[in-house]
Amino acid sequence: ASIECIYDEVVAAPYVVNKVREVTDKADAIIINCFGDPALDAAREITAVPIIGPGTSSMALAQLLGHNFSVVTVLSRLGPIVEEVAAKLGTTKLVSVRAVDIPVLELEDRAKTVEKLTRESVKAIEDDGAHVIVLGCTGMQGLADQLKQELAKQGYDIPVLDPAIIALKLAEILVDMKTSQSKLTYPPPPEKERTGCD
């Protein structure tokens, strides 16, 4: 399965929430394995365990590493989802969202993916003024170093961020610090009867 549009996010949300409920007592931290961070806020309400969204985490780090950043994602139709994650984060440093136009489940062709990532990243740097590149799909895990090398060959020594790795490292930090999301921001939902949620 993959999430490639807003509809997919809505369909995935109950699964995410139910999975969080299922594993919360067995986990030190939970990562939602999608750049769009589906059901992130709802998941944070139902557990005290740290819940990490790769999109939010990687964009937050990108702000610290350069003047601005661009996200290079899988499909152009995901632009509004990426922009929504950036807006929730409160960042004004996202200068563009570019796409390689490869569906999530076809990212296995790593050479083709890196070639297209390089092309779109160069456009983000040259046309949009990006100083940091954020990979916009957790399915691109493991490609950041290769893309960074390809960009360096073209004279661009800039950070390339892998959202899956950043989410994992942030989860480790929160576990080590014995801290989690604020329950003032994400209070538990009220006890009441709900239908269609289980």
N, C-alpha and C. Protein backbone atom coordinates (compact mmCIF):
# COMPACT_ATOMS: atom_id res chain seq x y z
N ALA A 1 0.84 -1.19 0.00
CA ALA A 1 0.00 0.00 0.00
C ALA A 1 0.88 1.24 0.00
N SER A 2 0.31 2.34 -0.45
CA SER A 2 1.05 3.60 -0.47
C SER A 2 0.07 4.76 -0.32
N ILE A 3 0.60 5.90 0.11
CA ILE A 3 -0.21 7.11 0.24
C ILE A 3 0.28 8.09 -0.80
N GLU A 4 -0.61 8.40 -1.76
CA GLU A 4 -0.23 9.27 -2.86
C GLU A 4 -1.23 10.40 -3.12
N CYS A 5 -2.17 10.60 -2.18
CA CYS A 5 -3.13 11.69 -2.32
C CYS A 5 -3.84 11.90 -0.98
N ILE A 6 -4.62 12.95 -0.90
CA ILE A 6 -5.34 13.26 0.33
C ILE A 6 -6.33 12.14 0.67
N TYR A 7 -6.99 11.59 -0.33
CA TYR A 7 -7.93 10.48 -0.10
C TYR A 7 -7.21 9.32 0.58
N ASP A 8 -6.02 8.97 0.07
CA ASP A 8 -5.24 7.88 0.67
C ASP A 8 -4.93 8.18 2.13
N GLU A 9 -4.62 9.44 2.44
CA GLU A 9 -4.34 9.82 3.83
C GLU A 9 -5.55 9.58 4.73
N VAL A 10 -6.73 9.96 4.24
CA VAL A 10 -7.94 9.79 5.03
C VAL A 10 -8.25 8.31 5.24
N VAL A 11 -8.07 7.51 4.20
CA VAL A 11 -8.30 6.07 4.31
C VAL A 11 -7.30 5.44 5.29
N ALA A 12 -6.07 5.93 5.30
CA ALA A 12 -5.03 5.37 6.16
C ALA A 12 -5.19 5.78 7.63
N ALA A 13 -5.84 6.89 7.89
CA ALA A 13 -5.90 7.44 9.24
C ALA A 13 -6.44 6.45 10.28
N PRO A 14 -7.57 5.77 10.05
CA PRO A 14 -8.05 4.82 11.06
C PRO A 14 -7.06 3.68 11.31
N TYR A 15 -6.38 3.23 10.25
CA TYR A 15 -5.37 2.19 10.41
C TYR A 15 -4.24 2.69 11.30
N VAL A 16 -3.78 3.91 11.05
CA VAL A 16 -2.68 4.48 11.85
C VAL A 16 -3.10 4.55 13.32
N VAL A 17 -4.27 5.10 13.58
CA VAL A 17 -4.74 5.25 14.96
C VAL A 17 -4.90 3.88 15.63
N ASN A 18 -5.49 2.93 14.93
CA ASN A 18 -5.66 1.59 15.50
C ASN A 18 -4.32 0.91 15.76
N LYS A 19 -3.37 1.09 14.85
CA LYS A 19 -2.04 0.50 15.03
C LYS A 19 -1.34 1.12 16.24
N VAL A 20 -1.47 2.42 16.40
CA VAL A 20 -0.88 3.09 17.57
C VAL A 20 -1.49 2.52 18.85
N ARG A 21 -2.80 2.37 18.88
CA ARG A 21 -3.46 1.77 20.05
C ARG A 21 -2.90 0.37 20.33
N GLU A 22 -2.72 -0.40 19.27
CA GLU A 22 -2.27 -1.79 19.38
C GLU A 22 -0.85 -1.90 19.94
N VAL A 23 0.04 -1.02 19.54
CA VAL A 23 1.46 -1.17 19.90
C VAL A 23 1.93 -0.23 21.01
N THR A 24 1.09 0.67 21.46
CA THR A 24 1.53 1.71 22.39
C THR A 24 2.15 1.15 23.67
N ASP A 25 1.66 0.03 24.19
CA ASP A 25 2.21 -0.54 25.42
C ASP A 25 3.50 -1.31 25.18
N LYS A 26 3.82 -1.57 23.92
CA LYS A 26 5.02 -2.35 23.58
C LYS A 26 6.13 -1.49 23.01
N ALA A 27 5.87 -0.20 22.79
CA ALA A 27 6.83 0.65 22.08
C ALA A 27 7.36 1.77 22.98
N ASP A 28 8.62 2.13 22.76
CA ASP A 28 9.20 3.29 23.43
C ASP A 28 8.91 4.57 22.65
N ALA A 29 8.73 4.42 21.33
CA ALA A 29 8.38 5.53 20.43
C ALA A 29 7.74 4.92 19.19
N ILE A 30 6.97 5.72 18.48
CA ILE A 30 6.28 5.25 17.27
C ILE A 30 6.53 6.25 16.15
N ILE A 31 6.90 5.73 14.98
CA ILE A 31 7.11 6.57 13.79
C ILE A 31 6.01 6.26 12.79
N ILE A 32 5.35 7.28 12.29
CA ILE A 32 4.37 7.10 11.22
C ILE A 32 5.16 7.10 9.91
N ASN A 33 5.17 5.97 9.22
CA ASN A 33 6.06 5.78 8.07
C ASN A 33 5.49 6.39 6.79
N CYS A 34 5.32 7.71 6.79
CA CYS A 34 4.86 8.44 5.61
C CYS A 34 5.22 9.91 5.78
N PHE A 35 5.75 10.53 4.73
CA PHE A 35 6.17 11.92 4.80
C PHE A 35 5.01 12.86 5.12
N GLY A 36 3.80 12.52 4.70
CA GLY A 36 2.64 13.37 4.95
C GLY A 36 2.14 13.34 6.38
N ASP A 37 2.74 12.50 7.23
CA ASP A 37 2.39 12.40 8.64
C ASP A 37 0.89 12.17 8.87
N PRO A 38 0.28 11.18 8.18
CA PRO A 38 -1.17 10.98 8.34
C PRO A 38 -1.55 10.63 9.77
N ALA A 39 -2.59 11.26 10.25
CA ALA A 39 -3.16 11.04 11.59
C ALA A 39 -2.18 11.33 12.72
N LEU A 40 -1.17 12.14 12.47
CA LEU A 40 -0.15 12.43 13.48
C LEU A 40 -0.75 13.02 14.74
N ASP A 41 -1.57 14.05 14.60
CA ASP A 41 -2.13 14.71 15.78
C ASP A 41 -3.07 13.79 16.55
N ALA A 42 -3.90 13.03 15.84
CA ALA A 42 -4.81 12.09 16.51
C ALA A 42 -4.02 11.02 17.25
N ALA A 43 -2.97 10.52 16.63
CA ALA A 43 -2.14 9.50 17.27
C ALA A 43 -1.49 10.05 18.54
N ARG A 44 -1.07 11.30 18.49
CA ARG A 44 -0.43 11.91 19.67
C ARG A 44 -1.42 12.08 20.82
N GLU A 45 -2.70 12.19 20.51
CA GLU A 45 -3.70 12.32 21.57
C GLU A 45 -3.93 11.02 22.32
N ILE A 46 -3.74 9.88 21.67
CA ILE A 46 -4.15 8.62 22.28
C ILE A 46 -3.03 7.87 23.00
N THR A 47 -1.84 8.46 23.07
CA THR A 47 -0.75 7.79 23.77
C THR A 47 0.21 8.81 24.36
N ALA A 48 0.92 8.39 25.39
CA ALA A 48 1.99 9.21 25.97
C ALA A 48 3.33 8.88 25.32
N VAL A 49 3.37 7.83 24.52
CA VAL A 49 4.59 7.43 23.81
C VAL A 49 4.88 8.48 22.73
N PRO A 50 6.14 8.87 22.53
CA PRO A 50 6.45 9.83 21.47
C PRO A 50 5.99 9.32 20.10
N ILE A 51 5.26 10.15 19.37
CA ILE A 51 4.81 9.84 18.02
C ILE A 51 5.55 10.79 17.09
N ILE A 52 6.27 10.23 16.12
CA ILE A 52 7.11 11.03 15.24
C ILE A 52 6.56 11.01 13.82
N GLY A 53 6.47 12.18 13.21
CA GLY A 53 6.11 12.31 11.81
C GLY A 53 7.35 12.66 11.00
N PRO A 54 7.71 11.85 10.02
CA PRO A 54 8.92 12.12 9.22
C PRO A 54 8.89 13.46 8.48
N GLY A 55 7.73 13.86 7.98
CA GLY A 55 7.65 15.13 7.25
C GLY A 55 7.95 16.31 8.15
N THR A 56 7.25 16.37 9.26
CA THR A 56 7.46 17.46 10.22
C THR A 56 8.89 17.47 10.73
N SER A 57 9.40 16.29 11.09
CA SER A 57 10.75 16.19 11.66
C SER A 57 11.82 16.66 10.69
N SER A 58 11.72 16.21 9.45
CA SER A 58 12.77 16.54 8.48
C SER A 58 12.70 18.02 8.06
N MET A 59 11.49 18.58 7.98
CA MET A 59 11.39 20.01 7.66
C MET A 59 11.89 20.86 8.82
N ALA A 60 11.63 20.43 10.06
CA ALA A 60 12.14 21.17 11.21
C ALA A 60 13.67 21.20 11.19
N LEU A 61 14.28 20.06 10.89
CA LEU A 61 15.74 20.01 10.82
C LEU A 61 16.28 20.83 9.64
N ALA A 62 15.59 20.77 8.52
CA ALA A 62 16.03 21.52 7.33
C ALA A 62 16.15 23.01 7.64
N GLN A 63 15.24 23.53 8.46
CA GLN A 63 15.29 24.95 8.84
C GLN A 63 16.56 25.31 9.59
N LEU A 64 17.14 24.33 10.28
CA LEU A 64 18.35 24.58 11.07
C LEU A 64 19.62 24.51 10.24
N LEU A 65 19.54 23.89 9.06
CA LEU A 65 20.74 23.59 8.29
C LEU A 65 20.98 24.51 7.10
N GLY A 66 20.02 25.37 6.80
CA GLY A 66 20.20 26.27 5.67
C GLY A 66 19.18 27.39 5.68
N HIS A 67 19.40 28.35 4.81
CA HIS A 67 18.52 29.52 4.72
C HIS A 67 17.09 29.12 4.36
N ASN A 68 16.96 28.09 3.51
CA ASN A 68 15.65 27.60 3.09
C ASN A 68 15.80 26.18 2.58
N PHE A 69 14.70 25.58 2.13
CA PHE A 69 14.76 24.21 1.66
C PHE A 69 13.69 23.93 0.63
N SER A 70 13.92 22.87 -0.13
CA SER A 70 12.94 22.36 -1.08
C SER A 70 12.69 20.89 -0.76
N VAL A 71 11.47 20.45 -0.96
CA VAL A 71 11.12 19.04 -0.81
C VAL A 71 10.98 18.44 -2.20
N VAL A 72 11.65 17.32 -2.42
CA VAL A 72 11.52 16.59 -3.68
C VAL A 72 10.78 15.29 -3.36
N THR A 73 9.55 15.21 -3.84
CA THR A 73 8.67 14.10 -3.50
C THR A 73 8.44 13.19 -4.71
N VAL A 74 7.50 12.27 -4.57
CA VAL A 74 7.27 11.29 -5.63
C VAL A 74 6.39 11.82 -6.75
N LEU A 75 5.24 12.37 -6.42
CA LEU A 75 4.27 12.81 -7.42
C LEU A 75 3.90 14.28 -7.19
N SER A 76 3.71 15.01 -8.27
CA SER A 76 3.39 16.44 -8.14
C SER A 76 2.08 16.67 -7.40
N ARG A 77 1.17 15.74 -7.47
CA ARG A 77 -0.11 15.90 -6.77
C ARG A 77 0.04 15.93 -5.26
N LEU A 78 1.23 15.58 -4.74
CA LEU A 78 1.46 15.60 -3.30
C LEU A 78 1.89 16.98 -2.79
N GLY A 79 2.08 17.93 -3.71
CA GLY A 79 2.49 19.27 -3.31
C GLY A 79 1.64 19.87 -2.20
N PRO A 80 0.30 19.84 -2.32
CA PRO A 80 -0.53 20.41 -1.26
C PRO A 80 -0.36 19.72 0.10
N ILE A 81 -0.12 18.41 0.09
CA ILE A 81 0.10 17.70 1.36
C ILE A 81 1.39 18.18 2.01
N VAL A 82 2.45 18.29 1.21
CA VAL A 82 3.74 18.77 1.72
C VAL A 82 3.59 20.19 2.25
N GLU A 83 2.90 21.04 1.51
CA GLU A 83 2.70 22.43 1.94
C GLU A 83 1.88 22.50 3.22
N GLU A 84 0.92 21.59 3.39
CA GLU A 84 0.12 21.55 4.62
C GLU A 84 0.98 21.16 5.82
N VAL A 85 1.85 20.17 5.64
CA VAL A 85 2.77 19.79 6.73
C VAL A 85 3.65 20.98 7.10
N ALA A 86 4.17 21.68 6.09
CA ALA A 86 5.02 22.85 6.34
C ALA A 86 4.24 23.95 7.08
N ALA A 87 2.99 24.16 6.68
CA ALA A 87 2.17 25.19 7.32
C ALA A 87 1.90 24.85 8.78
N LYS A 88 1.61 23.58 9.07
CA LYS A 88 1.38 23.17 10.46
C LYS A 88 2.63 23.37 11.30
N LEU A 89 3.78 23.16 10.68
CA LEU A 89 5.05 23.36 11.37
C LEU A 89 5.31 24.85 11.60
N GLY A 90 4.71 25.69 10.77
CA GLY A 90 4.89 27.13 10.89
C GLY A 90 6.10 27.65 10.15
N THR A 91 6.64 26.85 9.25
CA THR A 91 7.83 27.29 8.53
C THR A 91 7.47 28.16 7.33
N THR A 92 8.29 29.13 7.09
CA THR A 92 8.18 29.95 5.88
C THR A 92 9.39 29.71 4.98
N LYS A 93 10.18 28.71 5.32
CA LYS A 93 11.43 28.45 4.60
C LYS A 93 11.30 27.43 3.47
N LEU A 94 10.12 26.86 3.27
CA LEU A 94 9.90 25.95 2.15
C LEU A 94 9.77 26.79 0.89
N VAL A 95 10.74 26.65 -0.04
CA VAL A 95 10.71 27.47 -1.25
C VAL A 95 10.05 26.76 -2.42
N SER A 96 10.01 25.42 -2.39
CA SER A 96 9.35 24.71 -3.49
C SER A 96 9.13 23.25 -3.13
N VAL A 97 8.19 22.66 -3.85
CA VAL A 97 7.97 21.21 -3.81
C VAL A 97 8.10 20.73 -5.24
N ARG A 98 9.03 19.83 -5.45
CA ARG A 98 9.25 19.26 -6.78
C ARG A 98 8.99 17.77 -6.72
N ALA A 99 8.76 17.17 -7.89
CA ALA A 99 8.41 15.74 -7.93
C ALA A 99 9.20 15.01 -9.00
N VAL A 100 9.51 13.73 -8.70
CA VAL A 100 10.21 12.88 -9.66
C VAL A 100 9.23 12.13 -10.56
N ASP A 101 7.93 12.22 -10.25
CA ASP A 101 6.88 11.54 -11.00
C ASP A 101 7.11 10.04 -11.11
N ILE A 102 7.42 9.44 -9.98
CA ILE A 102 7.53 7.98 -9.84
C ILE A 102 6.60 7.59 -8.69
N PRO A 103 5.60 6.73 -8.92
CA PRO A 103 4.74 6.29 -7.82
C PRO A 103 5.56 5.60 -6.72
N VAL A 104 5.07 5.68 -5.50
CA VAL A 104 5.77 5.15 -4.34
C VAL A 104 6.21 3.70 -4.55
N LEU A 105 5.31 2.87 -5.05
CA LEU A 105 5.61 1.44 -5.18
C LEU A 105 6.54 1.12 -6.34
N GLU A 106 6.97 2.15 -7.09
CA GLU A 106 7.92 1.94 -8.18
C GLU A 106 9.29 2.54 -7.88
N LEU A 107 9.53 2.88 -6.63
CA LEU A 107 10.81 3.48 -6.26
C LEU A 107 11.95 2.47 -6.17
N GLU A 108 11.65 1.19 -6.37
CA GLU A 108 12.68 0.15 -6.27
C GLU A 108 13.79 0.33 -7.29
N ASP A 109 13.48 0.93 -8.43
CA ASP A 109 14.51 1.18 -9.45
C ASP A 109 15.34 2.37 -8.95
N ARG A 110 16.34 2.06 -8.12
CA ARG A 110 17.10 3.10 -7.43
C ARG A 110 17.86 4.00 -8.40
N ALA A 111 18.45 3.42 -9.44
CA ALA A 111 19.23 4.24 -10.39
C ALA A 111 18.34 5.28 -11.06
N LYS A 112 17.15 4.85 -11.50
CA LYS A 112 16.20 5.78 -12.14
C LYS A 112 15.75 6.84 -11.15
N THR A 113 15.48 6.42 -9.92
CA THR A 113 15.02 7.35 -8.90
C THR A 113 16.09 8.39 -8.58
N VAL A 114 17.34 7.96 -8.41
CA VAL A 114 18.42 8.91 -8.11
C VAL A 114 18.63 9.87 -9.27
N GLU A 115 18.53 9.36 -10.50
CA GLU A 115 18.67 10.23 -11.67
C GLU A 115 17.62 11.34 -11.66
N LYS A 116 16.37 10.96 -11.40
CA LYS A 116 15.30 11.96 -11.37
C LYS A 116 15.39 12.87 -10.15
N LEU A 117 15.81 12.31 -9.02
CA LEU A 117 16.01 13.14 -7.83
C LEU A 117 17.09 14.19 -8.08
N THR A 118 18.16 13.77 -8.76
CA THR A 118 19.24 14.71 -9.06
C THR A 118 18.74 15.83 -9.96
N ARG A 119 18.01 15.47 -11.00
CA ARG A 119 17.49 16.47 -11.93
C ARG A 119 16.58 17.48 -11.21
N GLU A 120 15.65 16.98 -10.42
CA GLU A 120 14.70 17.87 -9.74
C GLU A 120 15.39 18.68 -8.64
N SER A 121 16.38 18.09 -7.99
CA SER A 121 17.10 18.82 -6.94
C SER A 121 17.92 19.96 -7.54
N VAL A 122 18.55 19.72 -8.68
CA VAL A 122 19.30 20.78 -9.35
C VAL A 122 18.35 21.92 -9.74
N LYS A 123 17.16 21.59 -10.23
CA LYS A 123 16.17 22.63 -10.54
C LYS A 123 15.78 23.40 -9.27
N ALA A 124 15.61 22.67 -8.17
CA ALA A 124 15.24 23.32 -6.91
C ALA A 124 16.33 24.30 -6.47
N ILE A 125 17.58 23.90 -6.67
CA ILE A 125 18.71 24.76 -6.29
C ILE A 125 18.82 25.95 -7.24
N GLU A 126 18.84 25.67 -8.54
CA GLU A 126 19.09 26.72 -9.53
C GLU A 126 17.89 27.63 -9.78
N ASP A 127 16.70 27.05 -9.84
CA ASP A 127 15.51 27.84 -10.17
C ASP A 127 14.79 28.40 -8.95
N ASP A 128 14.82 27.64 -7.84
CA ASP A 128 14.05 28.03 -6.66
C ASP A 128 14.93 28.59 -5.54
N GLY A 129 16.24 28.43 -5.67
CA GLY A 129 17.16 28.95 -4.66
C GLY A 129 17.28 28.11 -3.41
N ALA A 130 16.95 26.82 -3.49
CA ALA A 130 16.99 25.95 -2.31
C ALA A 130 18.42 25.76 -1.81
N HIS A 131 18.58 25.79 -0.49
CA HIS A 131 19.88 25.57 0.14
C HIS A 131 19.97 24.20 0.80
N VAL A 132 18.83 23.55 0.99
CA VAL A 132 18.75 22.20 1.58
C VAL A 132 17.72 21.43 0.78
N ILE A 133 17.97 20.14 0.55
CA ILE A 133 16.99 19.28 -0.12
C ILE A 133 16.47 18.27 0.89
N VAL A 134 15.15 18.14 0.96
CA VAL A 134 14.50 17.15 1.81
C VAL A 134 13.82 16.13 0.90
N LEU A 135 14.14 14.85 1.08
CA LEU A 135 13.44 13.81 0.32
C LEU A 135 12.02 13.73 0.85
N GLY A 136 11.04 13.78 -0.05
CA GLY A 136 9.64 13.89 0.34
C GLY A 136 8.87 12.59 0.36
N CYS A 137 9.56 11.48 0.66
CA CYS A 137 8.88 10.19 0.77
C CYS A 137 9.77 9.25 1.57
N THR A 138 9.20 8.56 2.55
CA THR A 138 10.01 7.61 3.32
C THR A 138 10.41 6.41 2.46
N GLY A 139 9.75 6.21 1.34
CA GLY A 139 10.15 5.16 0.40
C GLY A 139 11.46 5.46 -0.30
N MET A 140 11.96 6.68 -0.14
CA MET A 140 13.27 7.06 -0.71
C MET A 140 14.40 6.81 0.28
N GLN A 141 14.10 6.10 1.36
CA GLN A 141 15.10 5.84 2.39
C GLN A 141 16.36 5.23 1.78
N GLY A 142 17.49 5.74 2.22
CA GLY A 142 18.77 5.23 1.76
C GLY A 142 19.33 5.93 0.53
N LEU A 143 18.61 6.90 -0.02
CA LEU A 143 19.07 7.58 -1.23
C LEU A 143 19.73 8.94 -0.97
N ALA A 144 19.65 9.43 0.24
CA ALA A 144 20.16 10.78 0.54
C ALA A 144 21.66 10.89 0.27
N ASP A 145 22.44 9.93 0.71
CA ASP A 145 23.89 10.01 0.52
C ASP A 145 24.25 10.00 -0.96
N GLN A 146 23.59 9.12 -1.71
CA GLN A 146 23.87 9.04 -3.15
C GLN A 146 23.49 10.34 -3.85
N LEU A 147 22.33 10.90 -3.50
CA LEU A 147 21.92 12.17 -4.09
C LEU A 147 22.89 13.28 -3.70
N LYS A 148 23.31 13.31 -2.45
CA LYS A 148 24.28 14.33 -2.00
C LYS A 148 25.56 14.24 -2.84
N GLN A 149 26.03 13.03 -3.12
CA GLN A 149 27.23 12.85 -3.95
C GLN A 149 27.00 13.35 -5.37
N GLU A 150 25.83 13.05 -5.93
CA GLU A 150 25.52 13.50 -7.29
C GLU A 150 25.46 15.03 -7.36
N LEU A 151 24.89 15.65 -6.35
CA LEU A 151 24.82 17.12 -6.32
C LEU A 151 26.22 17.72 -6.14
N ALA A 152 27.05 17.07 -5.33
CA ALA A 152 28.43 17.57 -5.13
C ALA A 152 29.21 17.54 -6.44
N LYS A 153 28.97 16.51 -7.27
CA LYS A 153 29.63 16.42 -8.57
C LYS A 153 29.29 17.62 -9.45
N GLN A 154 28.11 18.20 -9.21
CA GLN A 154 27.67 19.36 -9.99
C GLN A 154 27.98 20.68 -9.28
N GLY A 155 28.75 20.59 -8.20
CA GLY A 155 29.19 21.79 -7.50
C GLY A 155 28.29 22.26 -6.37
N TYR A 156 27.35 21.44 -5.95
CA TYR A 156 26.41 21.84 -4.89
C TYR A 156 26.66 21.02 -3.64
N ASP A 157 27.33 21.61 -2.67
CA ASP A 157 27.62 20.95 -1.40
C ASP A 157 26.57 21.38 -0.38
N ILE A 158 25.43 20.71 -0.42
CA ILE A 158 24.32 21.08 0.46
C ILE A 158 23.78 19.84 1.16
N PRO A 159 23.09 20.03 2.29
CA PRO A 159 22.50 18.89 2.98
C PRO A 159 21.36 18.27 2.17
N VAL A 160 21.29 16.94 2.21
CA VAL A 160 20.17 16.19 1.65
C VAL A 160 19.63 15.33 2.79
N LEU A 161 18.37 15.53 3.14
CA LEU A 161 17.81 14.91 4.34
C LEU A 161 16.88 13.75 4.01
N ASP A 162 17.10 12.64 4.70
CA ASP A 162 16.28 11.43 4.57
C ASP A 162 15.26 11.44 5.72
N PRO A 163 13.97 11.62 5.43
CA PRO A 163 12.99 11.76 6.50
C PRO A 163 12.85 10.52 7.38
N ALA A 164 13.07 9.34 6.83
CA ALA A 164 12.96 8.12 7.62
C ALA A 164 14.06 8.06 8.68
N ILE A 165 15.27 8.39 8.28
CA ILE A 165 16.40 8.38 9.23
C ILE A 165 16.24 9.47 10.28
N ILE A 166 15.80 10.64 9.84
CA ILE A 166 15.60 11.75 10.79
C ILE A 166 14.53 11.39 11.82
N ALA A 167 13.44 10.78 11.37
CA ALA A 167 12.39 10.36 12.30
C ALA A 167 12.93 9.36 13.32
N LEU A 168 13.73 8.41 12.85
CA LEU A 168 14.32 7.41 13.75
C LEU A 168 15.23 8.07 14.78
N LYS A 169 16.09 8.97 14.31
CA LYS A 169 17.02 9.64 15.23
C LYS A 169 16.28 10.53 16.23
N LEU A 170 15.22 11.20 15.78
CA LEU A 170 14.43 12.02 16.70
C LEU A 170 13.74 11.13 17.74
N ALA A 171 13.23 9.99 17.30
CA ALA A 171 12.62 9.04 18.24
C ALA A 171 13.63 8.62 19.30
N GLU A 172 14.85 8.31 18.87
CA GLU A 172 15.91 7.92 19.82
C GLU A 172 16.19 9.04 20.82
N ILE A 173 16.27 10.27 20.33
CA ILE A 173 16.53 11.41 21.21
C ILE A 173 15.42 11.54 22.26
N LEU A 174 14.17 11.47 21.82
CA LEU A 174 13.05 11.63 22.75
C LEU A 174 13.02 10.50 23.78
N VAL A 175 13.32 9.28 23.35
CA VAL A 175 13.37 8.16 24.29
C VAL A 175 14.50 8.37 25.29
N ASP A 176 15.68 8.74 24.80
CA ASP A 176 16.82 8.99 25.69
C ASP A 176 16.53 10.10 26.69
N MET A 177 15.79 11.11 26.25
CA MET A 177 15.45 12.24 27.13
C MET A 177 14.24 11.96 28.02
N LYS A 178 13.62 10.80 27.80
CA LYS A 178 12.41 10.43 28.54
C LYS A 178 11.34 11.52 28.44
N THR A 179 11.13 11.99 27.19
CA THR A 179 10.13 13.03 26.97
C THR A 179 9.27 12.69 25.76
N SER A 180 8.15 13.34 25.67
CA SER A 180 7.19 13.06 24.61
C SER A 180 6.42 14.34 24.29
N GLN A 181 5.41 14.20 23.42
CA GLN A 181 4.58 15.35 23.07
C GLN A 181 3.82 15.87 24.29
N SER A 182 3.56 17.18 24.29
CA SER A 182 2.86 17.83 25.38
C SER A 182 1.41 17.37 25.44
N LYS A 183 0.98 17.00 26.64
CA LYS A 183 -0.43 16.62 26.81
C LYS A 183 -1.32 17.85 26.97
N LEU A 184 -0.73 19.05 27.07
CA LEU A 184 -1.54 20.27 26.98
C LEU A 184 -1.91 20.52 25.53
N THR A 185 -1.00 20.18 24.61
CA THR A 185 -1.29 20.31 23.18
C THR A 185 -2.12 19.15 22.68
N TYR A 186 -1.80 17.94 23.15
CA TYR A 186 -2.45 16.72 22.67
C TYR A 186 -3.10 15.98 23.84
N PRO A 187 -4.17 16.55 24.43
CA PRO A 187 -4.82 15.87 25.55
C PRO A 187 -5.54 14.61 25.07
N PRO A 188 -5.70 13.63 25.96
CA PRO A 188 -6.44 12.42 25.56
C PRO A 188 -7.85 12.78 25.10
N PRO A 189 -8.36 12.07 24.11
CA PRO A 189 -9.73 12.35 23.66
C PRO A 189 -10.73 12.00 24.76
N PRO A 190 -11.87 12.69 24.79
CA PRO A 190 -12.87 12.39 25.82
C PRO A 190 -13.44 10.99 25.65
N GLU A 191 -13.79 10.38 26.78
CA GLU A 191 -14.43 9.06 26.74
C GLU A 191 -15.86 9.24 26.24
N LYS A 192 -16.19 8.59 25.15
CA LYS A 192 -17.56 8.62 24.62
C LYS A 192 -17.69 7.51 23.59
N GLU A 193 -18.91 7.20 23.25
CA GLU A 193 -19.14 6.17 22.24
C GLU A 193 -18.84 6.74 20.86
N ARG A 194 -18.11 5.96 20.07
CA ARG A 194 -17.78 6.36 18.70
C ARG A 194 -18.15 5.22 17.78
N THR A 195 -18.60 5.57 16.60
CA THR A 195 -18.88 4.53 15.60
C THR A 195 -18.01 4.78 14.38
N GLY A 196 -17.64 3.70 13.71
CA GLY A 196 -16.85 3.81 12.49
C GLY A 196 -15.38 4.04 12.72
N CYS A 197 -14.92 3.96 13.97
CA CYS A 197 -13.51 4.23 14.27
C CYS A 197 -12.71 2.97 14.56
N ASP A 198 -13.34 1.84 14.69
CA ASP A 198 -12.60 0.63 15.08
C ASP A 198 -12.54 -0.40 13.99
